[in-house]
Amino acid sequence: MSKREEFWAGVRATLPLELGAIPFGIIFGALAVNSGVSPGGAAAMSALVFAGSAQFIAAGLVASGAGVAVIVLTTAIVNLRHALYSATLAPYLKHLPQRWLIPLGFWLTDESFAVVITRFRRNGDAPHRHWFFFGSAALMYINWQIWTWVGIVAGQAIPDPASWGLDFAMIATFIGMLAGLIRQRSELVAAGVAGMVALVANPMPNKLGLVLAALAGIGAGMAAEWIADRSNGKIEHGSNGSNG
């Protein structure tokens, strides 16, 4: 496929996920201005941070009067999952120069990762595969800016946007993405453990339960994969000799 074809393939593959991102963007814009963030500040967060979960948490912390250090640290912890996404995609993109890697890293989102890794696993040798990533990321970025502004404008007319339940659209989107990515038993174990820990740890402040759930899921998935490899003989059960 040509660069143009890869770009538009990325756009088309990401379009279904926009249905969940649209209400999420509206709610963020409305919540941000209702939490005391200026319209310009809310728009700048979407343009310069471009991380929905971190932006929601930051808006809540601003409303509670938290200091800058607390806001930065909390959002950084929540965004640690992006390091895992980057490590997973790195083998497919390591040939690219920095002028590509830096913007693609900035534009990396949960939705784009789900779409891109699915494509790369199926056809990871395509010479212009990074243009597929670019198409997916560009659509997500533009969409997020537009609907954040819609939420900002409508914020004064929506006294309690969270009560509308529109955020469930994003939850349903994430469930759909997760279901499409699970291919092995270890991945199912990781998802199950992360889900259970997220429920138990939900009362933790500043959404730290999500971080704990992610770490628990990673640990459970690695353990399940190690057990499976050992059962299949890929890992020796014990040493048969001495190196001395």
Foldseek 3Di string as FASTA:
>chain_A
DDLVVLLVLLQVLLVVLLLLVLLLLLQLLLLLVLLPHDNVRLLVCLQPQVASLLSSLLSVCVSVVHDPVVSVVLSVLVPPVLVVLCVLCCVLPVVDDPVLVVVLSRLDYPSLSLSLSVVCVVPSPPPNNSSSSVNNSVNSSVSSSVSSSVNNVCNVVDNNSVVVVSNVSNVVSVVVSLVVPDDDPLSVQLVVQLVVQLVVCVVDPSSCSNSVSNVRSVVSSVVVVVVVCVVVVVDDPDDPDDPD
